[in-house]
Amino acid sequence: MQAHTQLHLSSGAHGTPSVLTMPSRTITSIRAGGLKSRVEKLLHSQAGQPLTLGQIGAALDLPKTSHPEISSCLAKLREAGRVQTSTGPASSARGRRLVQCYSILQRRVGGDVCVSEMDARRSLAMAA
């Protein structure tokens, strides 16, 4: 369900305003069932495999007309540092072209902790 924005235009002969209703873009919201979270969950479930825009749309059972919204979600996730892009080969009727592939960034949990000797001395001095 999309919200609609009304735009009032003053029109012609009788001075009656005409109303133009345009759908607003709320599909990329961060609600739990929103498109952005669905795209992120899909990329998490396919963590080892980069997916193209068409593959993401097909996996989410969305028509090709939803590709701009999916692309917007992927751009927002890429800007947030959650998704990385790479180029992959694709073949088409017009010859070989490159296509963007998207994959989730795996975050390391726990990594190495590096403590300098000066920091250790300072923390021991503060504790005493």
Protein backbone atom coordinates (compact mmCIF):
# COMPACT_ATOMS: atom_id res chain seq x y z
CA MET A 1 0.00 0.00 0.00
CA GLN A 2 1.51 3.29 -1.08
CA ALA A 3 0.79 6.69 0.37
CA HIS A 4 -0.24 9.35 -2.12
CA THR A 5 0.78 12.97 -2.34
CA GLN A 6 -1.75 15.44 -3.69
CA LEU A 7 -0.59 18.32 -5.82
CA HIS A 8 -3.10 21.11 -6.45
CA LEU A 9 -2.84 22.94 -9.75
CA SER A 10 -4.89 25.97 -10.68
CA SER A 11 -6.40 25.34 -14.04
CA GLY A 12 -8.03 27.10 -16.85
CA ALA A 13 -11.42 28.37 -17.73
CA HIS A 14 -13.60 28.19 -14.64
CA GLY A 15 -10.83 28.62 -12.09
CA THR A 16 -11.48 25.23 -10.53
CA PRO A 17 -8.35 23.61 -9.16
CA SER A 18 -7.42 20.26 -10.60
CA VAL A 19 -5.85 17.67 -8.34
CA LEU A 20 -2.98 15.51 -9.51
CA THR A 21 -2.30 12.53 -7.27
CA MET A 22 1.20 11.10 -7.38
CA PRO A 23 2.44 8.01 -5.51
CA SER A 24 5.18 8.78 -3.03
CA ARG A 25 8.23 6.57 -2.68
CA THR A 26 7.82 4.83 0.68
CA ILE A 27 8.78 1.36 -0.50
CA THR A 28 12.39 1.65 0.74
CA SER A 29 11.51 2.25 4.38
CA ILE A 30 13.28 0.39 7.17
CA ARG A 31 10.21 -1.35 8.51
CA ALA A 32 10.63 -5.00 9.49
CA GLY A 33 8.81 -6.20 6.38
CA GLY A 34 10.06 -3.41 4.11
CA LEU A 35 11.90 -3.95 0.87
CA LYS A 36 15.25 -2.84 2.28
CA SER A 37 15.16 -5.39 5.10
CA ARG A 38 13.95 -8.11 2.70
CA VAL A 39 16.87 -7.40 0.35
CA GLU A 40 19.32 -7.48 3.27
CA LYS A 41 17.90 -10.78 4.57
CA LEU A 42 18.17 -12.30 1.09
CA LEU A 43 21.81 -11.25 0.78
CA HIS A 44 22.51 -12.68 4.26
CA SER A 45 20.97 -16.01 3.28
CA GLN A 46 23.08 -16.10 0.09
CA ALA A 47 26.22 -14.84 1.84
CA GLY A 48 28.80 -16.69 -0.24
CA GLN A 49 27.22 -15.90 -3.60
CA PRO A 50 27.03 -12.46 -5.26
CA LEU A 51 23.63 -11.72 -6.81
CA THR A 52 22.63 -9.45 -9.68
CA LEU A 53 19.72 -7.03 -9.57
CA GLY A 54 17.61 -9.40 -11.69
CA GLN A 55 18.39 -12.36 -9.42
CA ILE A 56 17.43 -10.34 -6.33
CA GLY A 57 14.15 -9.29 -7.91
CA ALA A 58 13.36 -12.86 -8.97
CA ALA A 59 14.20 -14.27 -5.53
CA LEU A 60 11.90 -11.71 -3.87
CA ASP A 61 9.19 -12.46 -6.47
CA LEU A 62 9.04 -8.84 -7.64
CA PRO A 63 8.36 -7.66 -11.21
CA LYS A 64 10.99 -5.93 -13.33
CA THR A 65 9.20 -2.65 -12.74
CA SER A 66 10.44 -2.80 -9.12
CA HIS A 67 14.12 -2.73 -10.15
CA PRO A 68 14.50 1.03 -9.46
CA GLU A 69 13.25 0.54 -5.89
CA ILE A 70 15.55 -2.47 -5.39
CA SER A 71 18.45 -0.47 -6.79
CA SER A 72 17.67 2.36 -4.37
CA CYS A 73 17.67 -0.08 -1.44
CA LEU A 74 21.00 -1.53 -2.56
CA ALA A 75 22.49 1.96 -2.85
CA LYS A 76 21.36 2.79 0.70
CA LEU A 77 22.78 -0.49 2.03
CA ARG A 78 26.05 0.15 0.16
CA GLU A 79 26.32 3.66 1.64
CA ALA A 80 25.71 2.21 5.12
CA GLY A 81 28.60 -0.22 4.59
CA ARG A 82 26.49 -3.38 4.67
CA VAL A 83 26.69 -4.37 0.99
CA GLN A 84 29.59 -4.46 -1.43
CA THR A 85 29.43 -4.41 -5.20
CA SER A 86 31.56 -6.18 -7.75
CA THR A 87 31.40 -6.53 -11.50
CA GLY A 88 30.64 -9.87 -13.03
CA PRO A 89 30.40 -11.10 -16.60
CA ALA A 90 27.04 -11.28 -18.32
CA SER A 91 26.10 -12.26 -21.82
CA SER A 92 23.30 -10.73 -23.80
CA ALA A 93 22.02 -10.61 -27.36
CA ARG A 94 24.03 -7.42 -27.92
CA GLY A 95 27.33 -8.98 -26.89
CA ARG A 96 29.16 -9.40 -23.61
CA ARG A 97 28.56 -6.73 -21.01
CA LEU A 98 29.51 -6.34 -17.38
CA VAL A 99 26.85 -6.46 -14.71
CA GLN A 100 26.85 -5.28 -11.08
CA CYS A 101 26.79 -8.05 -8.47
CA TYR A 102 25.87 -7.42 -4.85
CA SER A 103 26.93 -9.35 -1.76
CA ILE A 104 26.67 -8.80 1.98
CA LEU A 105 29.76 -7.71 3.90
CA GLN A 106 30.73 -10.28 6.51
CA ARG A 107 31.65 -8.62 9.76
CA ARG A 108 34.30 -10.25 11.89
CA VAL A 109 33.16 -10.80 15.42
CA GLY A 110 35.85 -10.75 18.06
CA GLY A 111 39.05 -9.95 16.13
CA ASP A 112 42.52 -9.39 17.50
CA VAL A 113 42.90 -6.87 20.30
CA CYS A 114 46.04 -4.77 20.21
CA VAL A 115 47.01 -2.99 23.42
CA SER A 116 50.12 -0.87 23.61
CA GLU A 117 52.40 -1.10 26.63
CA MET A 118 51.74 2.54 27.49
CA ASP A 119 47.96 1.98 27.59
CA ALA A 120 48.44 -1.02 29.89
CA ARG A 121 50.65 0.97 32.28
CA ARG A 122 48.18 3.87 32.31
CA SER A 123 45.21 1.61 33.08
CA LEU A 124 47.16 -0.12 35.89
CA ALA A 125 48.14 3.25 37.36
CA MET A 126 44.53 4.47 37.27
CA ALA A 127 43.28 1.28 38.95
CA ALA A 128 45.68 1.64 41.89
